[in-house]
Amino acid sequence: MENQPDPTSSNKQEESTHQGSSMGGKKSDKRNDNLIKFNRARKRSQLSKDIVESVEHSLRMGLFKEGEKETQLKTLFETVKYSDNESLLNEPIGVKLSEVETQQIDWLWQRRVPLGKITLLDGDPGIGKSLLAITIAACISTGRPMPDGTPGRQGSIILITSEDSAEDIIKPRMEAAGGDPSRVVLLNAVLSFDVKRLFMYDRPFSLSRDLKDLEVGIRRHNAILVVIDPLMAVLGRNIDSSRDQDVREVFTPLAQIAERTGCAILIIRHLNKGNSANSLYRGAGSIGIIAAARIGLLVAHDPGDEQKRVFATIKNNLSKVATNLTFQIVENERGVPYIQWLGENHHTTSTLLRPGTHLSFERQEILKALKDASGPLDTKEISEHTGLKYASLRLILFRMQDAGEIVRLYRGKYTSPNHPSMTDKSMVMNGDTNDTNETSATSATNSTNDLPSSEK
């Protein structure tokens, strides 16, 4: 029995041989594909030279005028392109799907940020989008697990952040998030040449003009993540963000760069002032922006707690939608904000941006106090009725007024919509310049130093 061959061993050997030959076949196929591509590129290059030389020879012979050169080049190219002569281009039009190599989606952050694709992150100003992007970049810079516990990947990051200072905002926040600044490259300006004054100078980065600089930067730094924050600041002055055609002129080549380099591109965008229940229509600019992204993410206030944020997915063309996450913004001992993750939540995306529904406890208490009062109340009186802190209450009131949940009257007085006190039209705030007891809507947004970091 000892000398009898093991049939399982024979089977394993056959499987191993089969797998080896299969892998060898795949490598051989890939080499053949690369050889075909190389020969095709060489043939194209030679034919391009032949076309140019033929047209220039005809021009020297006086067969056409200088102004007709471009037309002659296009005509000769099309003749070569559509010729059945195998000695010419003779390339098939289109690619058979059977010749396409099947690949799996590769993720930077599982089900949230894919590699080689564009991801869009939407949210209101001051909600924490930029801080969230820095947190993601910090994880990538060190290779530690992502906030939901899924495995992380380590690599370099390119940040295009024209609105935030590197010295007192970006670097301190990156360090507070536990990131490695040595793996982060800032690309806010590109080198340009003034052909009139004949000197080099730095100018602000623009998506419409500087995609080549971006691709070169990705390759030189081996970046696996690019963060663009915010989109409208770098889209380009000649691009109308509301026109689908203009937007696609930028996003189509940008998506191609992501695909060629395998780099994830995360774009931050503000929400518009609309009230659509469909979150896909709430982002600023053309619908073509979210259409170009494979994943759409959203940061919004938690409907159940004014101090918390919800990180949700509003579009996913690649996989099952990831579970929503909750976080809050806290500060370290130096006063630098960072994100504290609080686990999963199950709010539907339709409730996150809908005004007047699923109000937080704080807003419910404010509305109750205003409805029960015999007349309008100022901020101090609302604080006494609800027990809410004065500092955070001011911003909550401003947000409620902006959402139409409450009405602001003269001299900083507030009341609920349809309250009996609203019958006195002269009390409604309408550009009152004598308002000195409370901050106006403008000053409310500027006086954030007195507020906790979660409300900034």
Protein backbone atom coordinates (compact mmCIF):
# COMPACT_ATOMS: atom_id res chain seq x y z
CA MET A 1 0.00 0.00 0.00
CA GLU A 2 2.84 2.36 0.81
CA ASN A 3 4.22 2.17 -2.73
CA GLN A 4 0.85 2.81 -4.42
CA PRO A 5 0.52 6.26 -6.05
CA ASP A 6 -1.76 8.79 -4.36
CA PRO A 7 -4.60 9.57 -6.79
CA THR A 8 -5.27 12.89 -5.05
CA SER A 9 -1.65 13.86 -5.55
CA SER A 10 -1.96 13.11 -9.25
CA ASN A 11 -5.10 15.21 -9.48
CA LYS A 12 -3.42 18.11 -7.68
CA GLN A 13 -0.47 17.86 -10.05
CA GLU A 14 -2.81 17.97 -13.04
CA GLU A 15 -4.66 20.98 -11.58
CA SER A 16 -1.38 22.74 -10.93
CA THR A 17 -0.22 22.01 -14.49
CA HIS A 18 -3.54 23.24 -15.87
CA GLN A 19 -3.43 26.44 -13.78
CA GLY A 20 0.16 27.04 -14.79
CA SER A 21 -0.62 26.62 -18.46
CA SER A 22 -3.69 28.85 -18.06
CA MET A 23 -1.65 31.62 -16.46
CA GLY A 24 1.05 31.14 -19.07
CA GLY A 25 -1.58 31.48 -21.77
CA LYS A 26 -2.87 34.72 -20.27
CA LYS A 27 0.65 36.16 -20.14
CA SER A 28 1.20 35.13 -23.74
CA ASP A 29 -2.07 36.75 -24.82
CA LYS A 30 -1.11 39.96 -23.03
CA ARG A 31 2.28 40.00 -24.75
CA ASN A 32 0.57 39.54 -28.10
CA ASP A 33 -1.86 42.38 -27.32
CA ASN A 34 1.00 44.68 -26.38
CA LEU A 35 2.85 43.75 -29.58
CA ILE A 36 -0.25 44.49 -31.69
CA LYS A 37 -0.68 47.89 -29.97
CA PHE A 38 3.00 48.71 -30.50
CA ASN A 39 2.88 47.83 -34.20
CA ARG A 40 -0.36 49.78 -34.64
CA ALA A 41 1.15 52.88 -32.98
CA ARG A 42 4.27 52.62 -35.14
CA LYS A 43 2.18 52.28 -38.31
CA ARG A 44 0.06 55.30 -37.36
CA SER A 45 3.15 57.38 -36.72
CA GLN A 46 4.68 56.49 -40.08
CA LEU A 47 1.44 57.12 -41.97
CA SER A 48 1.06 60.51 -40.26
CA LYS A 49 4.52 61.50 -41.52
CA ASP A 50 3.69 60.23 -45.01
CA ILE A 51 0.45 62.26 -45.12
CA VAL A 52 2.23 65.46 -44.07
CA GLU A 53 5.10 64.95 -46.53
CA SER A 54 2.66 64.20 -49.39
CA VAL A 55 0.63 67.36 -48.75
CA GLU A 56 3.72 69.55 -48.36
CA HIS A 57 5.12 68.14 -51.63
CA SER A 58 1.86 68.97 -53.42
CA LEU A 59 1.99 72.47 -51.93
CA ARG A 60 5.52 73.01 -53.25
CA MET A 61 4.38 71.79 -56.66
CA GLY A 62 1.73 74.51 -56.65
CA LEU A 63 -1.22 72.09 -56.74
CA PHE A 64 -3.09 74.13 -54.11
CA LYS A 65 -2.68 77.30 -52.06
CA GLU A 66 -1.27 77.64 -48.53
CA GLY A 67 -4.71 78.37 -47.07
CA GLU A 68 -5.98 75.02 -48.38
CA LYS A 69 -3.32 72.96 -46.60
CA GLU A 70 -5.49 72.00 -43.63
CA THR A 71 -8.32 70.84 -45.90
CA GLN A 72 -5.89 68.77 -47.98
CA LEU A 73 -4.49 67.11 -44.83
CA LYS A 74 -7.98 66.11 -43.65
CA THR A 75 -8.96 64.84 -47.11
CA LEU A 76 -5.85 62.66 -47.45
CA PHE A 77 -6.24 61.33 -43.89
CA GLU A 78 -9.83 60.26 -44.59
CA THR A 79 -8.73 58.56 -47.81
CA VAL A 80 -6.15 56.56 -45.86
CA LYS A 81 -8.54 55.93 -42.95
CA TYR A 82 -11.33 54.38 -45.03
CA SER A 83 -9.11 52.56 -47.56
CA ASP A 84 -9.32 48.76 -47.86
CA ASN A 85 -5.67 48.60 -48.91
CA GLU A 86 -3.84 46.54 -46.25
CA SER A 87 -0.63 48.47 -46.89
CA LEU A 88 -2.37 51.56 -45.56
CA LEU A 89 -4.06 51.97 -42.15
CA ASN A 90 -6.72 49.26 -42.60
CA GLU A 91 -7.82 49.42 -38.96
CA PRO A 92 -11.19 48.06 -37.83
CA ILE A 93 -13.77 50.64 -36.78
CA GLY A 94 -14.62 49.96 -33.15
CA VAL A 95 -13.51 47.15 -30.82
CA LYS A 96 -15.17 43.77 -30.35
CA LEU A 97 -16.37 43.29 -26.79
CA SER A 98 -14.80 39.82 -26.84
CA GLU A 99 -11.39 41.48 -27.22
CA VAL A 100 -11.85 43.61 -24.10
CA GLU A 101 -10.01 42.33 -21.01
CA THR A 102 -12.41 41.82 -18.11
CA GLN A 103 -11.40 43.67 -14.94
CA GLN A 104 -12.92 43.99 -11.47
CA ILE A 105 -13.66 47.33 -9.85
CA ASP A 106 -10.72 48.35 -7.68
CA TRP A 107 -11.59 50.37 -4.58
CA LEU A 108 -9.69 53.00 -2.64
CA TRP A 109 -12.49 52.91 -0.05
CA GLN A 110 -14.77 49.92 -0.43
CA ARG A 111 -18.13 50.87 -2.03
CA ARG A 112 -17.45 54.59 -1.54
CA VAL A 113 -14.37 55.76 -3.50
CA PRO A 114 -13.29 53.69 -6.55
CA LEU A 115 -9.84 53.82 -8.10
CA GLY A 116 -9.69 55.05 -11.68
CA LYS A 117 -13.04 56.85 -11.41
CA ILE A 118 -14.54 60.20 -10.42
CA THR A 119 -16.35 60.47 -7.07
CA LEU A 120 -18.43 63.51 -6.12
CA LEU A 121 -18.88 64.70 -2.51
CA ASP A 122 -21.78 67.13 -2.03
CA GLY A 123 -22.85 69.17 0.98
CA ASP A 124 -23.68 72.63 2.27
CA PRO A 125 -20.88 75.09 3.07
CA GLY A 126 -19.44 74.53 6.54
CA ILE A 127 -20.92 71.04 6.88
CA GLY A 128 -17.51 69.33 7.06
CA LYS A 129 -16.85 68.18 3.46
CA SER A 130 -13.27 69.45 3.34
CA LEU A 131 -12.51 67.98 6.75
CA LEU A 132 -13.92 64.64 5.61
CA ALA A 133 -11.75 64.72 2.49
CA ILE A 134 -8.66 65.39 4.62
CA THR A 135 -9.65 62.49 6.88
CA ILE A 136 -9.86 60.16 3.88
CA ALA A 137 -6.50 61.45 2.62
CA ALA A 138 -4.97 60.92 6.07
CA CYS A 139 -6.01 57.26 6.02
CA ILE A 140 -4.51 56.80 2.55
CA SER A 141 -1.25 58.52 3.51
CA THR A 142 -0.65 55.99 6.30
CA GLY A 143 -2.41 52.93 4.88
CA ARG A 144 -4.51 52.41 7.98
CA PRO A 145 -8.10 51.06 7.82
CA MET A 146 -10.81 53.36 6.55
CA PRO A 147 -13.35 54.88 8.99
CA ASP A 148 -15.82 52.00 8.52
CA GLY A 149 -13.13 49.41 9.28
CA THR A 150 -12.57 48.25 5.69
CA PRO A 151 -8.92 47.78 4.61
CA GLY A 152 -7.05 50.89 3.53
CA ARG A 153 -4.44 51.40 0.82
CA GLN A 154 -1.29 53.47 1.19
CA GLY A 155 -0.17 55.96 -1.40
CA SER A 156 0.42 59.58 -2.26
CA ILE A 157 -2.29 62.23 -2.47
CA ILE A 158 -2.62 65.39 -4.56
CA LEU A 159 -4.71 68.16 -2.99
CA ILE A 160 -6.09 71.00 -5.11
CA THR A 161 -7.54 73.29 -2.45
CA SER A 162 -7.58 76.90 -3.58
CA GLU A 163 -9.73 78.24 -0.73
CA ASP A 164 -7.84 76.92 2.33
CA SER A 165 -4.42 77.96 3.59
CA ALA A 166 -1.84 75.18 3.79
CA GLU A 167 -0.11 76.63 6.86
CA ASP A 168 -2.98 77.09 9.30
CA ILE A 169 -5.74 74.85 7.92
CA ILE A 170 -4.66 71.96 5.70
CA LYS A 171 -1.47 70.81 7.44
CA PRO A 172 -2.80 71.16 11.03
CA ARG A 173 -5.96 69.24 10.07
CA MET A 174 -3.97 66.54 8.27
CA GLU A 175 -1.83 66.08 11.39
CA ALA A 176 -4.89 66.10 13.67
CA ALA A 177 -6.37 63.33 11.51
CA GLY A 178 -3.20 61.26 11.95
CA GLY A 179 -2.00 61.68 8.36
CA ASP A 180 1.51 61.72 6.93
CA PRO A 181 2.12 65.18 5.34
CA SER A 182 5.13 63.86 3.43
CA ARG A 183 2.76 61.89 1.19
CA VAL A 184 0.58 64.90 0.39
CA VAL A 185 1.29 67.22 -2.57
CA LEU A 186 -0.43 70.57 -3.04
CA LEU A 187 -1.22 71.51 -6.64
CA ASN A 188 -2.82 74.95 -6.41
CA ALA A 189 -0.63 76.63 -9.02
CA VAL A 190 1.03 75.61 -12.29
CA LEU A 191 4.05 77.00 -14.12
CA SER A 192 3.17 79.02 -17.22
CA PHE A 193 5.02 81.12 -19.78
CA ASP A 194 4.08 84.64 -20.84
CA VAL A 195 4.81 84.79 -24.58
CA LYS A 196 4.52 88.59 -24.65
CA ARG A 197 6.66 89.43 -21.62
CA LEU A 198 8.88 86.38 -22.18
CA PHE A 199 9.11 85.01 -18.64
CA MET A 200 7.78 82.12 -16.53
CA TYR A 201 5.26 82.61 -13.75
CA ASP A 202 2.87 80.66 -11.51
CA ARG A 203 -0.86 80.92 -12.08
CA PRO A 204 -3.82 79.26 -10.32
CA PHE A 205 -4.66 75.69 -11.35
CA SER A 206 -7.62 75.35 -13.72
CA LEU A 207 -9.35 72.12 -14.76
CA SER A 208 -10.17 73.54 -18.17
CA ARG A 209 -6.51 74.35 -18.93
CA ASP A 210 -4.24 72.21 -16.78
CA LEU A 211 -5.33 68.57 -17.06
CA LYS A 212 -1.92 67.67 -18.54
CA ASP A 213 -0.21 69.11 -15.44
CA LEU A 214 -2.56 67.03 -13.30
CA GLU A 215 -1.80 63.80 -15.15
CA VAL A 216 1.94 64.42 -15.07
CA GLY A 217 1.69 65.17 -11.34
CA ILE A 218 -0.22 61.94 -10.70
CA ARG A 219 2.42 59.88 -12.51
CA ARG A 220 5.45 61.63 -10.99
CA HIS A 221 4.16 61.28 -7.43
CA ASN A 222 2.49 57.88 -7.95
CA ALA A 223 -0.67 59.40 -6.50
CA ILE A 224 -3.68 57.16 -5.90
CA LEU A 225 -6.00 59.97 -4.75
CA VAL A 226 -6.67 63.48 -6.05
CA VAL A 227 -8.91 65.81 -4.03
CA ILE A 228 -10.39 68.85 -5.80
CA ASP A 229 -11.91 71.28 -3.29
CA PRO A 230 -14.16 72.95 -4.30
CA LEU A 231 -15.05 72.24 -7.93
CA MET A 232 -16.35 75.68 -8.90
CA ALA A 233 -13.14 77.41 -7.76
CA VAL A 234 -11.00 75.52 -10.30
CA LEU A 235 -13.45 74.65 -13.08
CA GLY A 236 -12.19 77.49 -15.28
CA ARG A 237 -13.47 80.97 -16.05
CA ASN A 238 -14.51 80.04 -19.59
CA ILE A 239 -16.61 77.08 -18.42
CA ASP A 240 -20.30 77.63 -17.68
CA SER A 241 -21.03 75.14 -14.88
CA SER A 242 -24.74 75.19 -15.71
CA ARG A 243 -24.23 74.10 -19.34
CA ASP A 244 -24.00 70.34 -19.77
CA GLN A 245 -21.80 70.64 -22.86
CA ASP A 246 -19.25 72.86 -21.09
CA VAL A 247 -19.13 70.55 -18.10
CA ARG A 248 -18.54 67.45 -20.21
CA GLU A 249 -15.66 69.15 -22.05
CA VAL A 250 -13.82 69.08 -18.71
CA PHE A 251 -15.19 65.92 -17.07
CA THR A 252 -14.75 63.57 -20.06
CA PRO A 253 -10.95 64.05 -20.29
CA LEU A 254 -10.75 64.14 -16.49
CA ALA A 255 -12.42 60.71 -16.32
CA GLN A 256 -10.00 59.45 -18.96
CA ILE A 257 -7.06 60.62 -16.84
CA ALA A 258 -8.49 58.74 -13.85
CA GLU A 259 -8.85 55.60 -15.97
CA ARG A 260 -5.36 55.82 -17.52
CA THR A 261 -3.59 56.42 -14.22
CA GLY A 262 -5.81 54.27 -11.97
CA CYS A 263 -6.08 57.23 -9.61
CA ALA A 264 -9.23 58.03 -7.63
CA ILE A 265 -10.48 61.60 -8.12
CA LEU A 266 -12.62 63.02 -5.31
CA ILE A 267 -14.39 66.28 -6.17
CA ILE A 268 -16.08 68.44 -3.53
CA ARG A 269 -19.11 70.48 -4.53
CA HIS A 270 -21.55 72.78 -2.70
CA LEU A 271 -25.29 72.26 -2.80
CA ASN A 272 -27.58 74.69 -4.57
CA LYS A 273 -30.44 76.55 -2.87
CA GLY A 274 -33.15 74.40 -4.43
CA ASN A 275 -35.62 72.28 -2.52
CA SER A 276 -35.80 69.19 -4.74
CA ALA A 277 -36.50 65.98 -2.85
CA ASN A 278 -34.12 64.18 -5.23
CA SER A 279 -30.61 64.66 -3.87
CA LEU A 280 -29.09 64.15 -7.35
CA TYR A 281 -30.55 67.52 -8.39
CA ARG A 282 -29.31 69.44 -5.33
CA GLY A 283 -25.68 69.83 -6.38
CA ALA A 284 -24.54 73.14 -7.86
CA GLY A 285 -24.17 73.31 -11.63
CA SER A 286 -25.27 71.05 -14.45
CA ILE A 287 -26.72 67.58 -13.94
CA GLY A 288 -23.84 66.48 -16.18
CA ILE A 289 -21.49 66.81 -13.18
CA ILE A 290 -23.12 64.05 -11.14
CA ALA A 291 -23.67 62.10 -14.37
CA ALA A 292 -19.90 62.00 -14.95
CA ALA A 293 -19.25 60.64 -11.46
CA ARG A 294 -19.56 56.92 -10.81
CA ILE A 295 -20.16 57.50 -7.09
CA GLY A 296 -22.05 60.38 -5.48
CA LEU A 297 -21.58 61.04 -1.75
CA LEU A 298 -23.37 63.47 0.57
CA VAL A 299 -22.68 65.08 3.94
CA ALA A 300 -25.74 66.47 5.73
CA HIS A 301 -26.95 67.28 9.22
CA ASP A 302 -28.33 64.33 11.16
CA PRO A 303 -32.13 64.89 11.24
CA GLY A 304 -32.17 63.60 14.82
CA ASP A 305 -29.24 65.59 16.22
CA GLU A 306 -28.09 69.05 15.13
CA GLN A 307 -24.55 68.35 16.37
CA LYS A 308 -23.98 65.27 14.20
CA ARG A 309 -23.40 64.70 10.49
CA VAL A 310 -24.54 61.93 8.17
CA PHE A 311 -22.18 60.61 5.49
CA ALA A 312 -24.37 58.96 2.84
CA THR A 313 -24.25 57.63 -0.73
CA ILE A 314 -26.69 59.19 -3.20
CA LYS A 315 -25.40 57.46 -6.36
CA ASN A 316 -23.52 54.23 -6.96
CA ASN A 317 -23.13 52.78 -10.46
CA LEU A 318 -20.56 50.17 -9.43
CA SER A 319 -21.72 48.12 -6.45
CA LYS A 320 -24.14 47.71 -3.59
CA VAL A 321 -24.65 51.00 -1.72
CA ALA A 322 -22.58 51.36 1.45
CA THR A 323 -24.28 51.92 4.79
CA ASN A 324 -24.54 55.52 6.00
CA LEU A 325 -22.07 56.64 8.65
CA THR A 326 -22.47 59.19 11.44
CA PHE A 327 -19.75 61.52 12.66
CA GLN A 328 -19.28 64.68 14.66
CA ILE A 329 -16.61 67.36 14.53
CA VAL A 330 -14.53 67.82 17.66
CA GLU A 331 -11.32 69.69 18.50
CA ASN A 332 -7.94 68.57 19.80
CA GLU A 333 -6.00 70.33 22.54
CA ARG A 334 -4.74 72.93 20.04
CA GLY A 335 -8.24 73.75 18.85
CA VAL A 336 -7.82 72.00 15.50
CA PRO A 337 -10.99 70.23 14.31
CA TYR A 338 -11.04 66.55 13.42
CA ILE A 339 -13.72 63.93 12.81
CA GLN A 340 -14.96 61.54 15.46
CA TRP A 341 -16.79 58.59 13.92
CA LEU A 342 -19.92 57.35 15.69
CA GLY A 343 -20.90 54.26 13.71
CA GLU A 344 -23.66 53.50 11.23
CA ASN A 345 -27.09 55.07 10.82
CA HIS A 346 -30.11 54.28 8.69
CA HIS A 347 -31.50 57.65 7.62
CA THR A 348 -32.83 57.60 4.07
CA THR A 349 -31.20 60.11 1.73
CA SER A 350 -34.61 61.60 0.92
CA THR A 351 -34.93 62.88 4.51
CA LEU A 352 -31.46 64.42 4.75
CA LEU A 353 -32.10 67.41 2.49
CA ARG A 354 -35.83 67.88 2.94
CA PRO A 355 -36.63 71.06 4.90
CA GLY A 356 -39.21 70.94 7.64
CA THR A 357 -39.24 67.17 8.12
CA HIS A 358 -37.58 65.03 10.77
CA LEU A 359 -36.56 68.07 12.79
CA SER A 360 -33.87 67.61 15.40
CA PHE A 361 -34.71 67.78 19.10
CA GLU A 362 -33.24 71.28 19.33
CA ARG A 363 -35.37 72.61 16.48
CA GLN A 364 -38.50 70.97 17.84
CA GLU A 365 -37.92 72.63 21.22
CA ILE A 366 -37.37 76.02 19.56
CA LEU A 367 -40.57 75.72 17.51
CA LYS A 368 -42.55 74.66 20.58
CA ALA A 369 -41.28 77.65 22.56
CA LEU A 370 -42.13 80.08 19.75
CA LYS A 371 -45.61 78.63 19.17
CA ASP A 372 -46.48 78.68 22.90
CA ALA A 373 -45.22 82.24 23.42
CA SER A 374 -47.71 85.12 23.40
CA GLY A 375 -45.41 87.11 21.13
CA PRO A 376 -42.02 87.07 19.42
CA LEU A 377 -38.93 86.04 21.43
CA ASP A 378 -35.32 87.09 21.12
CA THR A 379 -32.37 84.69 21.31
CA LYS A 380 -31.87 85.09 25.06
CA GLU A 381 -35.54 84.39 25.78
CA ILE A 382 -35.51 81.33 23.51
CA SER A 383 -32.43 80.08 25.36
CA GLU A 384 -34.26 80.45 28.70
CA HIS A 385 -37.37 78.64 27.42
CA THR A 386 -35.49 75.73 25.81
CA GLY A 387 -32.38 75.37 27.96
CA LEU A 388 -30.18 75.50 24.84
CA LYS A 389 -26.81 77.22 25.02
CA TYR A 390 -26.85 80.77 23.68
CA ALA A 391 -23.70 80.36 21.54
CA SER A 392 -24.93 77.37 19.52
CA LEU A 393 -28.54 78.63 19.51
CA ARG A 394 -27.68 81.65 17.35
CA LEU A 395 -26.50 79.50 14.43
CA ILE A 396 -29.42 77.07 14.77
CA LEU A 397 -31.82 80.01 14.58
CA PHE A 398 -30.06 81.32 11.49
CA ARG A 399 -30.32 77.92 9.80
CA MET A 400 -33.99 77.58 10.72
CA GLN A 401 -34.71 81.05 9.33
CA ASP A 402 -32.83 80.20 6.12
CA ALA A 403 -34.88 77.00 5.77
CA GLY A 404 -38.15 78.88 6.33
CA GLU A 405 -38.91 77.03 9.58
CA ILE A 406 -39.12 80.25 11.62
CA VAL A 407 -39.54 83.97 10.89
CA ARG A 408 -37.16 86.70 12.06
CA LEU A 409 -38.85 89.96 13.05
CA TYR A 410 -37.55 93.40 13.88
CA ARG A 411 -34.70 93.84 16.42
CA GLY A 412 -33.76 90.16 16.51
CA LYS A 413 -37.18 88.81 17.49
CA TYR A 414 -38.25 85.38 16.22
CA THR A 415 -41.60 83.67 15.90
CA SER A 416 -43.15 80.64 14.22
CA PRO A 417 -44.83 80.87 10.80
CA ASN A 418 -48.55 81.78 10.98
CA HIS A 419 -48.20 82.96 14.60
CA PRO A 420 -50.83 85.61 15.56
CA SER A 421 -48.04 88.15 15.94
CA MET A 422 -47.39 87.87 12.21
CA THR A 423 -50.54 89.88 11.51
CA ASP A 424 -48.55 93.01 12.29
CA LYS A 425 -46.71 93.29 8.98
CA SER A 426 -44.54 96.14 10.25
CA MET A 427 -42.86 93.73 12.67
CA VAL A 428 -41.49 91.46 9.97
CA MET A 429 -37.78 92.06 9.33
CA ASN A 430 -37.38 93.80 5.99
CA GLY A 431 -33.97 95.44 5.87
CA ASP A 432 -34.28 97.12 9.32
CA THR A 433 -31.08 99.09 9.86
CA ASN A 434 -31.78 99.67 13.59
CA ASP A 435 -31.33 96.03 14.48
CA THR A 436 -28.65 96.18 17.17
CA ASN A 437 -29.72 93.57 19.72
CA GLU A 438 -29.06 90.52 17.53
CA THR A 439 -26.67 89.66 14.71
CA SER A 440 -28.02 89.77 11.20
CA ALA A 441 -27.94 86.83 8.82
CA THR A 442 -24.58 88.02 7.53
CA SER A 443 -22.97 88.51 10.93
CA ALA A 444 -24.34 85.19 12.13
CA THR A 445 -22.22 83.42 9.57
CA ASN A 446 -19.15 85.42 10.50
CA SER A 447 -19.31 85.08 14.29
CA THR A 448 -18.40 81.41 14.46
CA ASN A 449 -15.56 81.84 16.94
CA ASP A 450 -18.04 81.56 19.83
CA LEU A 451 -19.52 78.32 18.51
CA PRO A 452 -18.42 74.74 19.08
CA SER A 453 -16.45 73.27 16.18
CA SER A 454 -19.34 71.01 15.21
CA GLU A 455 -21.37 74.11 14.28
CA LYS A 456 -18.59 75.90 12.38
